[in-house]
Structure formats: C-alpha cells, structure tokens
C-alpha cells in the first residue's frame, strides 16, 4: 500500500478556510488516526477520523488522494 512520509507536504496541503486536517506530520497510510479541526459559527471542534484508503498512482494521469472515516469521538456521530 502506498504511503506518504512525515515530511510529505501533501498532508499539509489539505487545508481550507474553515477546516484543517491535524496532524500534518502523520503518515498518509491506511489506519492512521487524524483529526479535522473545523471552525463553524465562531467556535472550533476537533473531530477524530481514520484514513480508510489511499490512492497513489503513477501513469498517464498521476492521481493522489485519501479518504477518512469518522471515529466515535467525531462530532457527526
């Protein structure tokens, strides 16, 4: 399975004005626990997640991405 290293800047690039992925030094690999810090209506919440799959493909079209699922501590559960 493909992984990103702790020095990989791709995790740090997953940032938006209202949501930030913590921790940017976490390896991008199946099973890594992360958290999403979300600002909504003037307050922040920290939502626990786990990376459930990674796409890292070379070829005519280079693709990279990952998906995460919510854990019990996530606000949407």
N, C-alpha and C. Protein backbone atom coordinates (compact mmCIF):
# COMPACT_ATOMS: atom_id res chain seq x y z
N UNK A 1 0.85 -1.18 0.00
CA UNK A 1 0.00 0.00 0.00
C UNK A 1 0.88 1.22 0.00
N UNK A 2 0.48 2.23 -0.75
CA UNK A 2 1.22 3.48 -0.83
C UNK A 2 1.10 4.27 0.46
N UNK A 3 2.15 4.96 0.78
CA UNK A 3 2.13 5.78 1.99
C UNK A 3 2.82 7.10 1.73
N UNK A 4 2.49 8.09 2.51
CA UNK A 4 3.20 9.36 2.48
C UNK A 4 4.04 9.43 3.74
N UNK A 5 5.19 10.03 3.62
CA UNK A 5 6.08 10.13 4.78
C UNK A 5 5.72 11.33 5.63
N UNK A 6 6.29 11.39 6.81
CA UNK A 6 6.04 12.51 7.72
C UNK A 6 6.49 13.82 7.10
N UNK A 7 7.49 13.79 6.23
CA UNK A 7 7.96 15.01 5.58
C UNK A 7 7.20 15.34 4.31
N UNK A 8 6.23 14.55 3.97
CA UNK A 8 5.45 14.73 2.75
C UNK A 8 4.53 15.94 2.90
N UNK A 9 4.63 16.88 1.97
CA UNK A 9 3.84 18.11 2.07
C UNK A 9 2.38 17.91 1.66
N UNK A 10 2.04 16.75 1.11
CA UNK A 10 0.66 16.56 0.64
C UNK A 10 -0.35 16.64 1.77
N UNK A 11 -0.02 16.17 2.96
CA UNK A 11 -0.95 16.25 4.08
C UNK A 11 -1.14 17.71 4.49
N UNK A 12 -0.08 18.49 4.47
CA UNK A 12 -0.17 19.90 4.85
C UNK A 12 -1.02 20.69 3.84
N UNK A 13 -1.14 20.19 2.62
CA UNK A 13 -1.92 20.89 1.60
C UNK A 13 -3.42 20.70 1.77
N UNK A 14 -3.84 19.83 2.69
CA UNK A 14 -5.26 19.60 2.92
C UNK A 14 -5.73 20.61 3.97
N UNK A 15 -5.83 21.85 3.55
CA UNK A 15 -6.23 22.94 4.44
C UNK A 15 -7.24 23.81 3.69
N UNK A 16 -8.23 24.25 4.36
CA UNK A 16 -9.24 25.15 3.80
C UNK A 16 -9.51 26.24 4.83
N UNK A 17 -10.26 27.24 4.46
CA UNK A 17 -10.53 28.35 5.38
C UNK A 17 -11.24 27.90 6.65
N UNK A 18 -12.12 26.92 6.57
CA UNK A 18 -12.93 26.53 7.73
C UNK A 18 -12.61 25.14 8.28
N UNK A 19 -11.74 24.40 7.59
CA UNK A 19 -11.37 23.07 8.09
C UNK A 19 -9.87 22.86 7.89
N UNK A 20 -9.23 22.28 8.90
CA UNK A 20 -7.81 21.95 8.83
C UNK A 20 -7.63 20.51 9.30
N UNK A 21 -6.78 19.79 8.59
CA UNK A 21 -6.51 18.41 8.95
C UNK A 21 -5.32 18.38 9.91
N UNK A 22 -5.49 17.74 11.05
CA UNK A 22 -4.43 17.61 12.06
C UNK A 22 -4.05 16.13 12.09
N UNK A 23 -3.02 15.74 12.12
CA UNK A 23 -1.73 16.37 12.27
C UNK A 23 -1.03 16.24 10.94
N UNK A 24 -0.45 17.34 10.46
CA UNK A 24 0.15 17.33 9.13
C UNK A 24 1.40 16.48 9.04
N UNK A 25 1.95 16.06 10.16
CA UNK A 25 3.12 15.18 10.14
C UNK A 25 2.74 13.70 10.18
N UNK A 26 1.47 13.39 10.27
CA UNK A 26 1.02 11.99 10.30
C UNK A 26 1.27 11.35 8.95
N UNK A 27 1.67 10.07 8.94
CA UNK A 27 1.88 9.39 7.66
C UNK A 27 0.55 9.18 6.94
N UNK A 28 0.58 9.37 5.63
CA UNK A 28 -0.62 9.15 4.83
C UNK A 28 -0.65 7.67 4.47
N UNK A 29 -1.32 6.88 5.31
CA UNK A 29 -1.42 5.44 5.09
C UNK A 29 -2.68 4.91 5.77
N UNK A 30 -3.13 3.78 5.29
CA UNK A 30 -4.31 3.13 5.84
C UNK A 30 -4.16 2.96 7.35
N UNK A 31 -5.18 3.34 8.10
CA UNK A 31 -5.19 3.13 9.54
C UNK A 31 -4.67 4.27 10.38
N UNK A 32 -4.10 5.30 9.77
CA UNK A 32 -3.58 6.44 10.53
C UNK A 32 -4.73 7.25 11.10
N UNK A 33 -4.67 7.55 12.39
CA UNK A 33 -5.68 8.40 13.02
C UNK A 33 -5.29 9.86 12.85
N UNK A 34 -6.25 10.67 12.46
CA UNK A 34 -6.06 12.10 12.28
C UNK A 34 -7.25 12.80 12.90
N UNK A 35 -7.27 14.10 12.81
CA UNK A 35 -8.42 14.86 13.29
C UNK A 35 -8.65 16.03 12.35
N UNK A 36 -9.89 16.41 12.22
CA UNK A 36 -10.25 17.58 11.44
C UNK A 36 -10.68 18.67 12.41
N UNK A 37 -9.98 19.79 12.36
CA UNK A 37 -10.33 20.95 13.16
C UNK A 37 -11.26 21.81 12.31
N UNK A 38 -12.48 22.01 12.78
CA UNK A 38 -13.50 22.71 11.99
C UNK A 38 -13.96 23.96 12.72
N UNK A 39 -13.97 25.07 11.99
CA UNK A 39 -14.50 26.32 12.54
C UNK A 39 -15.91 26.51 11.99
N UNK A 40 -16.88 26.60 12.89
CA UNK A 40 -18.26 26.81 12.44
C UNK A 40 -18.99 27.69 13.45
N UNK A 41 -19.63 28.70 12.94
CA UNK A 41 -20.40 29.64 13.77
C UNK A 41 -19.56 30.24 14.90
N UNK A 42 -18.26 30.50 14.62
CA UNK A 42 -17.42 31.18 15.58
C UNK A 42 -16.76 30.31 16.63
N UNK A 43 -16.95 28.99 16.58
CA UNK A 43 -16.24 28.13 17.51
C UNK A 43 -15.60 26.97 16.75
N UNK A 44 -14.65 26.30 17.39
CA UNK A 44 -13.93 25.20 16.77
C UNK A 44 -14.30 23.88 17.42
N UNK A 45 -14.30 22.83 16.61
CA UNK A 45 -14.43 21.47 17.15
C UNK A 45 -13.32 20.62 16.53
N UNK A 46 -12.86 19.64 17.28
CA UNK A 46 -11.83 18.71 16.82
C UNK A 46 -12.49 17.35 16.65
N UNK A 47 -12.48 16.82 15.43
CA UNK A 47 -13.23 15.63 15.08
C UNK A 47 -12.30 14.49 14.69
N UNK A 48 -12.38 13.38 15.42
CA UNK A 48 -11.49 12.23 15.21
C UNK A 48 -11.86 11.45 13.95
N UNK A 49 -10.83 11.10 13.16
CA UNK A 49 -11.02 10.37 11.91
C UNK A 49 -9.89 9.35 11.74
N UNK A 50 -10.09 8.41 10.82
CA UNK A 50 -9.05 7.43 10.49
C UNK A 50 -8.99 7.30 8.97
N UNK A 51 -7.78 7.28 8.42
CA UNK A 51 -7.61 7.11 6.98
C UNK A 51 -8.03 5.68 6.62
N UNK A 52 -8.98 5.57 5.67
CA UNK A 52 -9.52 4.26 5.32
C UNK A 52 -9.02 3.74 3.97
N UNK A 53 -8.54 4.63 3.10
CA UNK A 53 -7.84 4.18 1.90
C UNK A 53 -7.01 5.30 1.31
N UNK A 54 -6.01 4.89 0.52
CA UNK A 54 -5.09 5.82 -0.11
C UNK A 54 -5.02 5.49 -1.60
N UNK A 55 -5.00 6.51 -2.44
CA UNK A 55 -4.79 6.36 -3.88
C UNK A 55 -3.50 7.09 -4.21
N UNK A 56 -2.53 6.40 -4.79
CA UNK A 56 -1.26 7.00 -5.18
C UNK A 56 -0.81 6.28 -6.44
N UNK A 57 -1.20 6.80 -7.59
CA UNK A 57 -0.98 6.11 -8.87
C UNK A 57 -0.13 6.95 -9.81
N UNK A 58 0.83 6.30 -10.42
CA UNK A 58 1.64 6.90 -11.48
C UNK A 58 1.09 6.38 -12.80
N UNK A 59 1.36 7.08 -13.86
CA UNK A 59 0.90 6.65 -15.17
C UNK A 59 0.60 7.86 -16.02
N UNK A 60 -0.20 7.68 -17.07
CA UNK A 60 -0.53 8.82 -17.92
C UNK A 60 -1.21 9.95 -17.13
N UNK A 61 -1.97 9.55 -16.13
CA UNK A 61 -2.59 10.52 -15.23
C UNK A 61 -2.13 10.18 -13.82
N UNK A 62 -1.44 11.13 -13.18
CA UNK A 62 -0.98 10.90 -11.81
C UNK A 62 -2.12 11.23 -10.86
N UNK A 63 -2.43 10.30 -9.96
CA UNK A 63 -3.52 10.52 -9.00
C UNK A 63 -3.02 10.30 -7.59
N UNK A 64 -3.42 11.19 -6.69
CA UNK A 64 -3.12 11.03 -5.28
C UNK A 64 -4.31 11.51 -4.48
N UNK A 65 -4.67 10.75 -3.46
CA UNK A 65 -5.76 11.17 -2.58
C UNK A 65 -5.93 10.15 -1.46
N UNK A 66 -6.76 10.50 -0.52
CA UNK A 66 -7.08 9.58 0.55
C UNK A 66 -8.46 9.92 1.08
N UNK A 67 -9.06 8.96 1.74
CA UNK A 67 -10.37 9.18 2.36
C UNK A 67 -10.27 8.79 3.82
N UNK A 68 -11.06 9.46 4.62
CA UNK A 68 -11.08 9.11 6.03
C UNK A 68 -12.51 8.91 6.49
N UNK A 69 -12.65 8.06 7.49
CA UNK A 69 -13.95 7.79 8.10
C UNK A 69 -13.97 8.34 9.51
N UNK A 70 -15.15 8.58 10.02
CA UNK A 70 -15.29 9.16 11.35
C UNK A 70 -15.11 8.09 12.43
N UNK A 71 -14.56 8.52 13.57
CA UNK A 71 -14.43 7.67 14.75
C UNK A 71 -15.49 8.08 15.77
N UNK A 72 -15.58 7.36 16.85
CA UNK A 72 -16.62 7.61 17.86
C UNK A 72 -16.57 9.03 18.40
N UNK A 73 -15.40 9.66 18.45
CA UNK A 73 -15.27 11.00 19.00
C UNK A 73 -15.62 12.09 18.00
N UNK A 74 -16.01 11.73 16.78
CA UNK A 74 -16.34 12.71 15.73
C UNK A 74 -17.67 13.38 16.03
N UNK A 75 -17.77 14.67 15.77
CA UNK A 75 -18.99 15.44 16.08
C UNK A 75 -20.21 14.96 15.31
N UNK A 76 -20.02 14.38 14.14
CA UNK A 76 -21.16 13.95 13.33
C UNK A 76 -21.68 12.58 13.71
N UNK A 77 -21.15 11.96 14.72
CA UNK A 77 -21.64 10.64 15.14
C UNK A 77 -22.66 10.80 16.23
